[in-house]
Amino acid sequence: MPTIRMNREQMQGGYTVLPNQILRTREMSYKARYLLAQMLSMSEAWQYTVAGMAKVCGMGRDAVRTAMVELETLGYLVRSQSRANGRFSHNVYIIREVPVEVEAAPSEEEAEALSETVSAVAETCAAADIPMAPCGQDFPFMPAAPSAPSTVQESVASPLADSPLPVSTLPENLPLRKNKGKKYQEKKYQDSLPSPSPIHPIYPSSREKFIGILEWNTCLSKYKRQVEYDTLLFDHPEWKERLDELLELMTEASCCPAPTQRIGGCQVATEVVRARYAKIDMFIMDYIFDKLSTTIQPIRNIRQYLRTVLFHAPSTCTHDYDARVRWDFYGQN
């Protein structure tokens, strides 16, 4: 559980006296000011956690943590961890009414002077064949210290802290699983491998763009020759815009790289679509325009409707004309 240590002057009865510096400083946010006043108003024997302070102050846990970090930066709060039996025991909070100066980061001039000093010491030690080892932030290089004890018993004989680690009660020779390390190393190696990049990039190269445009123009020219484009426009010049749109839809479906396409609510293989469009000639295109001119119902998805008409026209054109002829000769009597 956390331990609270208060450094305050007055707290009488149900009142807490705060210095004006806490209330008037502009460096502290309202959230941190309220949290500091709340913590100073509590008794020293009161144990609390971040969740408890969040509930008492009516703030979220993240807000309480942010306010504590701000108080630590300003010098009103000091947090540390106590040790017991070689382990971290609990947190200690020191709350102050008057802030203490927090050590600021060294300036650029101080950092340059420190680096020059370190370089001089390193050259001196290198000339004297003295090994170097990092030891701290204020003076980062000093002669290497003796090696640390390698066993738990040696560390007990020469402890490094006030509360050393307990002596291990585990046996010296533990049974090891066979191939456990090998499997772990293989799994670690497999996890470290980068995922292979796709063969085709997201953005095609200029050569792929050129090939795609060339394929599109070739397919469009083939369909124009197939339906006798110039002859249709000579007989029906008003069809030009609609005929160009139908040819664009046929080219789009033929150049589609997907294995299947959705036509008439069903998935149809792209090769089947290409084979069906290859049967469209001038007479079938005339039949398609005849059917489109007689449609008077509203069409919501005109693109799918036209693709469906183009797909089914080669397989229904002859039967439709035959049904019309039989109706004209025999159906009216």
Protein backbone atom coordinates (compact mmCIF):
# COMPACT_ATOMS: atom_id res chain seq x y z
CA MET A 1 0.00 0.00 0.00
CA PRO A 2 1.24 3.58 -0.61
CA THR A 3 2.71 5.65 2.22
CA ILE A 4 2.06 9.41 2.46
CA ARG A 5 4.42 11.88 4.05
CA MET A 6 3.06 15.42 4.43
CA ASN A 7 5.28 18.50 4.65
CA ARG A 8 2.75 21.11 5.77
CA GLU A 9 2.48 23.69 8.49
CA GLN A 10 -1.15 24.02 9.53
CA MET A 11 -4.13 21.67 9.60
CA GLN A 12 -6.59 22.40 12.40
CA GLY A 13 -9.86 20.54 12.84
CA GLY A 14 -11.80 20.44 9.64
CA TYR A 15 -9.75 23.17 7.91
CA THR A 16 -6.65 23.00 5.73
CA VAL A 17 -4.52 26.13 5.28
CA LEU A 18 -2.83 26.44 1.90
CA PRO A 19 -0.20 28.99 0.85
CA ASN A 20 -1.21 31.55 -1.75
CA GLN A 21 1.56 30.34 -4.04
CA ILE A 22 -0.44 27.18 -4.78
CA LEU A 23 -3.57 29.16 -5.61
CA ARG A 24 -1.94 31.97 -7.60
CA THR A 25 0.80 30.26 -9.59
CA ARG A 26 0.27 30.23 -13.34
CA GLU A 27 2.56 27.29 -13.98
CA MET A 28 0.14 24.80 -12.42
CA SER A 29 -3.07 23.70 -14.11
CA TYR A 30 -6.40 23.63 -12.31
CA LYS A 31 -6.37 19.85 -12.38
CA ALA A 32 -2.99 19.62 -10.63
CA ARG A 33 -3.93 22.40 -8.17
CA TYR A 34 -7.13 20.59 -7.19
CA LEU A 35 -5.31 17.26 -6.78
CA LEU A 36 -2.61 18.88 -4.59
CA ALA A 37 -5.22 20.53 -2.37
CA GLN A 38 -7.10 17.24 -2.09
CA MET A 39 -3.95 15.33 -1.07
CA LEU A 40 -2.91 17.99 1.47
CA SER A 41 -6.34 17.81 3.08
CA MET A 42 -5.99 14.08 3.85
CA SER A 43 -4.45 12.59 6.96
CA GLU A 44 -0.99 11.06 6.91
CA ALA A 45 -2.35 7.64 7.87
CA TRP A 46 -4.71 7.50 4.92
CA GLN A 47 -3.72 4.89 2.31
CA TYR A 48 -4.78 5.52 -1.26
CA THR A 49 -4.22 4.44 -4.84
CA VAL A 50 -4.61 6.11 -8.22
CA ALA A 51 -8.03 4.49 -8.58
CA GLY A 52 -9.02 5.78 -5.12
CA MET A 53 -7.89 9.31 -5.88
CA ALA A 54 -9.75 9.20 -9.19
CA LYS A 55 -12.93 8.28 -7.33
CA VAL A 56 -12.45 10.91 -4.60
CA CYS A 57 -11.58 13.73 -7.02
CA GLY A 58 -14.15 12.76 -9.63
CA MET A 59 -11.52 12.45 -12.38
CA GLY A 60 -10.29 9.62 -14.53
CA ARG A 61 -7.18 7.61 -13.77
CA ASP A 62 -5.29 9.11 -16.69
CA ALA A 63 -6.13 12.60 -15.45
CA VAL A 64 -4.83 11.75 -11.96
CA ARG A 65 -1.60 10.32 -13.40
CA THR A 66 -1.11 13.41 -15.59
CA ALA A 67 -1.65 15.71 -12.62
CA MET A 68 0.85 13.73 -10.52
CA VAL A 69 3.47 14.01 -13.26
CA GLU A 70 2.86 17.76 -13.41
CA LEU A 71 3.24 18.07 -9.62
CA GLU A 72 6.48 16.09 -9.80
CA THR A 73 7.78 18.43 -12.50
CA LEU A 74 6.95 21.51 -10.40
CA GLY A 75 8.48 20.02 -7.23
CA TYR A 76 5.33 19.60 -5.14
CA LEU A 77 5.34 15.79 -5.22
CA VAL A 78 8.08 13.17 -4.90
CA ARG A 79 7.33 9.51 -5.58
CA SER A 80 9.68 6.66 -4.75
CA GLN A 81 9.59 2.91 -4.11
CA SER A 82 10.77 1.28 -0.90
CA ARG A 83 12.63 -2.03 -0.80
CA ALA A 84 11.99 -5.02 1.43
CA ASN A 85 13.76 -8.40 1.19
CA GLY A 86 15.48 -7.35 -2.00
CA ARG A 87 12.21 -6.43 -3.74
CA PHE A 88 10.16 -3.32 -4.29
CA SER A 89 7.64 -3.09 -1.45
CA HIS A 90 5.32 -0.09 -1.82
CA ASN A 91 5.22 3.48 -3.09
CA VAL A 92 6.12 6.48 -0.94
CA TYR A 93 4.53 9.85 -1.70
CA ILE A 94 6.11 13.04 -0.31
CA ILE A 95 3.69 15.95 -0.72
CA ARG A 96 4.95 19.50 -0.15
CA GLU A 97 3.30 22.87 0.29
CA VAL A 98 6.40 24.70 -0.90
CA PRO A 99 7.99 23.28 -4.05
CA VAL A 100 11.59 22.19 -4.22
CA GLU A 101 13.82 22.94 -7.18
CA VAL A 102 13.94 20.13 -9.69
CA GLU A 103 17.29 19.55 -11.37
CA ALA A 104 17.07 20.89 -14.90
CA ALA A 105 18.73 19.35 -17.90
CA PRO A 106 22.26 20.67 -18.63
CA SER A 107 22.56 23.45 -21.17
CA GLU A 108 24.39 23.11 -24.47
CA GLU A 109 27.51 24.82 -23.10
CA GLU A 110 27.61 22.52 -20.08
CA ALA A 111 27.11 19.48 -22.33
CA GLU A 112 29.99 20.57 -24.58
CA ALA A 113 32.27 21.14 -21.59
CA LEU A 114 31.32 17.74 -20.19
CA SER A 115 32.03 16.02 -23.50
CA GLU A 116 35.46 17.69 -23.70
CA THR A 117 36.25 16.56 -20.15
CA VAL A 118 35.17 13.02 -20.94
CA SER A 119 37.33 12.96 -24.07
CA ALA A 120 40.36 14.17 -22.11
CA VAL A 121 39.85 11.54 -19.41
CA ALA A 122 39.39 8.84 -22.05
CA GLU A 123 42.66 9.81 -23.77
CA THR A 124 44.53 9.82 -20.44
CA CYS A 125 43.17 6.40 -19.47
CA ALA A 126 43.92 5.00 -22.92
CA ALA A 127 47.53 6.18 -22.68
CA ALA A 128 47.86 4.55 -19.24
CA ASP A 129 46.12 1.30 -20.37
CA ILE A 130 43.30 1.74 -17.83
CA PRO A 131 40.02 0.04 -18.82
CA MET A 132 36.99 2.29 -19.03
CA ALA A 133 33.41 1.56 -18.01
CA PRO A 134 30.27 3.72 -17.79
CA CYS A 135 29.30 4.58 -14.22
CA GLY A 136 26.95 7.59 -14.11
CA GLN A 137 25.43 10.61 -15.79
CA ASP A 138 27.52 13.35 -14.15
CA PHE A 139 30.81 11.65 -15.06
CA PRO A 140 30.00 8.90 -17.51
CA PHE A 141 33.44 7.24 -17.75
CA MET A 142 35.55 5.98 -14.87
CA PRO A 143 38.06 3.15 -14.41
CA ALA A 144 36.33 -0.22 -14.47
CA ALA A 145 35.18 -1.50 -11.09
CA PRO A 146 35.69 -5.08 -9.90
CA SER A 147 33.30 -7.59 -11.40
CA ALA A 148 30.03 -8.27 -9.60
CA PRO A 149 29.60 -11.53 -7.67
CA SER A 150 28.56 -14.36 -9.93
CA THR A 151 26.53 -16.40 -7.43
CA VAL A 152 23.81 -15.63 -4.93
CA GLN A 153 26.02 -16.69 -1.98
CA GLU A 154 28.74 -14.23 -3.05
CA SER A 155 26.18 -11.45 -3.37
CA VAL A 156 25.00 -12.18 0.19
CA ALA A 157 28.59 -11.97 1.41
CA SER A 158 29.05 -8.57 -0.27
CA PRO A 159 25.57 -7.01 -0.57
CA LEU A 160 24.90 -4.25 -3.07
CA ALA A 161 21.82 -2.85 -1.28
CA ASP A 162 20.42 -2.53 2.23
CA SER A 163 18.04 -5.43 1.67
CA PRO A 164 19.85 -8.11 -0.33
CA LEU A 165 18.26 -10.89 -2.32
CA PRO A 166 17.45 -14.08 -0.40
CA VAL A 167 19.53 -17.19 -0.98
CA SER A 168 18.03 -19.35 -3.68
CA THR A 169 16.62 -22.68 -2.51
CA LEU A 170 16.46 -24.21 -5.99
CA PRO A 171 18.70 -27.20 -6.78
CA GLU A 172 21.83 -26.51 -8.79
CA ASN A 173 21.24 -29.04 -11.56
CA LEU A 174 17.68 -28.77 -12.86
CA PRO A 175 16.37 -31.24 -15.48
CA LEU A 176 16.14 -29.61 -18.88
CA ARG A 177 13.61 -30.43 -21.55
CA LYS A 178 15.05 -31.80 -24.73
CA ASN A 179 14.97 -29.55 -27.79
CA LYS A 180 13.24 -26.79 -25.82
CA GLY A 181 15.93 -24.22 -26.56
CA LYS A 182 16.09 -25.28 -30.20
CA LYS A 183 12.34 -24.88 -30.70
CA TYR A 184 12.41 -21.50 -28.97
CA GLN A 185 15.28 -20.31 -31.14
CA GLU A 186 13.52 -21.48 -34.31
CA LYS A 187 10.28 -19.76 -33.29
CA LYS A 188 12.15 -16.58 -32.38
CA TYR A 189 13.98 -16.66 -35.71
CA GLN A 190 10.73 -17.16 -37.62
CA ASP A 191 9.04 -14.31 -35.75
CA SER A 192 11.94 -11.99 -36.53
CA LEU A 193 11.72 -12.61 -40.27
CA PRO A 194 10.08 -9.71 -42.11
CA SER A 195 6.88 -10.41 -43.97
CA PRO A 196 7.55 -10.87 -47.69
CA SER A 197 6.55 -7.96 -49.85
CA PRO A 198 3.92 -8.56 -52.53
CA ILE A 199 5.08 -9.38 -56.02
CA HIS A 200 3.08 -6.59 -57.59
CA PRO A 201 3.42 -3.13 -56.02
CA ILE A 202 0.41 -1.05 -55.06
CA TYR A 203 1.20 1.56 -57.67
CA PRO A 204 2.04 0.02 -61.07
CA SER A 205 5.14 1.09 -62.90
CA SER A 206 5.11 3.20 -66.04
CA ARG A 207 5.65 0.08 -68.19
CA GLU A 208 2.62 -1.66 -66.62
CA LYS A 209 0.54 1.46 -67.19
CA PHE A 210 1.60 1.53 -70.84
CA ILE A 211 0.76 -2.17 -71.27
CA GLY A 212 -2.65 -1.63 -69.63
CA ILE A 213 -3.50 1.32 -71.88
CA LEU A 214 -2.28 -0.58 -74.94
CA GLU A 215 -4.45 -3.59 -74.05
CA TRP A 216 -7.46 -1.34 -73.50
CA ASN A 217 -7.09 0.41 -76.86
CA THR A 218 -6.55 -2.90 -78.65
CA CYS A 219 -9.70 -4.42 -77.14
CA LEU A 220 -11.76 -1.30 -77.91
CA SER A 221 -10.61 -1.31 -81.55
CA LYS A 222 -11.48 -5.01 -81.85
CA TYR A 223 -15.04 -4.43 -80.66
CA LYS A 224 -15.45 -1.46 -83.02
CA ARG A 225 -14.49 -3.63 -86.00
CA GLN A 226 -16.71 -6.43 -84.68
CA VAL A 227 -19.90 -4.31 -84.57
CA GLU A 228 -18.97 -2.34 -87.74
CA TYR A 229 -18.79 0.95 -85.89
CA ASP A 230 -18.63 3.21 -88.95
CA THR A 231 -21.58 1.50 -90.64
CA LEU A 232 -23.77 1.84 -87.55
CA LEU A 233 -22.95 5.53 -87.21
CA PHE A 234 -23.64 6.09 -90.92
CA ASP A 235 -27.12 4.56 -90.57
CA HIS A 236 -27.81 5.95 -87.08
CA PRO A 237 -25.63 8.97 -86.27
CA GLU A 238 -27.73 9.70 -83.18
CA TRP A 239 -26.42 6.49 -81.58
CA LYS A 240 -22.82 7.69 -81.29
CA GLU A 241 -22.73 8.60 -77.58
CA ARG A 242 -24.74 5.58 -76.46
CA LEU A 243 -22.76 3.25 -78.74
CA ASP A 244 -19.48 4.55 -77.30
CA GLU A 245 -20.75 3.88 -73.78
CA LEU A 246 -21.72 0.30 -74.64
CA LEU A 247 -18.32 -0.35 -76.22
CA GLU A 248 -16.62 1.09 -73.13
CA LEU A 249 -18.57 -1.30 -70.90
CA MET A 250 -17.64 -4.26 -73.11
CA THR A 251 -13.96 -3.26 -73.04
CA GLU A 252 -14.02 -2.78 -69.28
CA ALA A 253 -15.48 -6.25 -68.72
CA SER A 254 -13.00 -7.88 -71.11
CA CYS A 255 -9.93 -6.21 -69.54
CA CYS A 256 -11.03 -6.94 -65.98
CA PRO A 257 -8.30 -8.98 -64.16
CA ALA A 258 -10.80 -10.55 -61.73
CA PRO A 259 -11.63 -14.23 -62.35
CA THR A 260 -15.39 -13.63 -61.98
CA GLN A 261 -17.81 -10.76 -62.53
CA ARG A 262 -21.28 -10.03 -61.20
CA ILE A 263 -23.87 -9.96 -63.99
CA GLY A 264 -27.59 -10.20 -63.40
CA GLY A 265 -27.09 -10.93 -59.70
CA CYS A 266 -24.84 -13.96 -60.34
CA GLN A 267 -21.07 -14.48 -60.44
CA VAL A 268 -19.99 -15.28 -64.01
CA ALA A 269 -16.47 -16.25 -65.09
CA THR A 270 -14.62 -13.51 -66.95
CA GLU A 271 -13.73 -15.90 -69.77
CA VAL A 272 -17.45 -16.63 -70.30
CA VAL A 273 -18.17 -12.90 -70.45
CA ARG A 274 -15.44 -12.39 -73.06
CA ALA A 275 -16.73 -15.30 -75.14
CA ARG A 276 -20.28 -13.94 -75.02
CA TYR A 277 -19.18 -10.40 -75.99
CA ALA A 278 -17.18 -11.82 -78.90
CA LYS A 279 -20.51 -12.88 -80.51
CA ILE A 280 -21.93 -9.33 -80.61
CA ASP A 281 -22.04 -8.02 -84.18
CA MET A 282 -23.85 -5.21 -85.98
CA PHE A 283 -27.24 -7.00 -86.06
CA ILE A 284 -27.12 -7.88 -82.35
CA MET A 285 -26.15 -4.28 -81.52
CA ASP A 286 -29.14 -3.11 -83.57
CA TYR A 287 -31.31 -5.53 -81.56
CA ILE A 288 -29.90 -4.12 -78.29
CA PHE A 289 -30.76 -0.55 -79.28
CA ASP A 290 -34.24 -1.69 -80.30
CA LYS A 291 -34.79 -3.25 -76.88
CA LEU A 292 -33.41 -0.23 -75.02
CA SER A 293 -35.68 2.13 -76.98
CA THR A 294 -38.81 0.17 -75.93
CA THR A 295 -37.96 0.15 -72.20
CA ILE A 296 -40.11 2.64 -70.28
CA GLN A 297 -39.64 1.43 -66.69
CA PRO A 298 -37.26 3.31 -64.36
CA ILE A 299 -33.78 1.76 -64.06
CA ARG A 300 -31.88 2.28 -60.80
CA ASN A 301 -28.52 0.71 -61.66
CA ILE A 302 -28.09 1.52 -65.33
CA ARG A 303 -24.54 0.14 -65.47
CA GLN A 304 -25.49 -3.35 -64.29
CA TYR A 305 -28.60 -3.25 -66.50
CA LEU A 306 -26.56 -2.52 -69.64
CA ARG A 307 -23.97 -5.19 -68.79
CA THR A 308 -26.77 -7.73 -68.35
CA VAL A 309 -28.36 -6.74 -71.67
CA LEU A 310 -25.02 -7.07 -73.48
CA PHE A 311 -24.38 -10.47 -71.88
CA HIS A 312 -27.79 -12.01 -72.71
CA ALA A 313 -28.37 -10.41 -76.14
CA PRO A 314 -26.28 -12.91 -78.21
CA SER A 315 -28.16 -15.90 -76.74
CA THR A 316 -31.69 -14.46 -77.02
CA CYS A 317 -31.64 -12.34 -80.20
CA THR A 318 -32.68 -15.11 -82.67
CA HIS A 319 -35.47 -16.49 -80.46
CA ASP A 320 -36.85 -13.02 -79.85
CA TYR A 321 -37.06 -12.23 -83.58
CA ASP A 322 -38.60 -15.65 -84.27
CA ALA A 323 -41.26 -15.08 -81.59
CA ARG A 324 -42.09 -11.70 -83.09
CA VAL A 325 -42.48 -13.15 -86.60
CA ARG A 326 -44.75 -15.97 -85.41
CA TRP A 327 -46.87 -13.45 -83.51
CA ASP A 328 -47.19 -11.20 -86.55
CA PHE A 329 -48.30 -14.10 -88.80
CA TYR A 330 -50.28 -16.34 -86.46
CA GLY A 331 -50.87 -14.56 -83.19
CA GLN A 332 -53.29 -11.89 -84.35
CA ASN A 333 -55.87 -14.33 -85.82
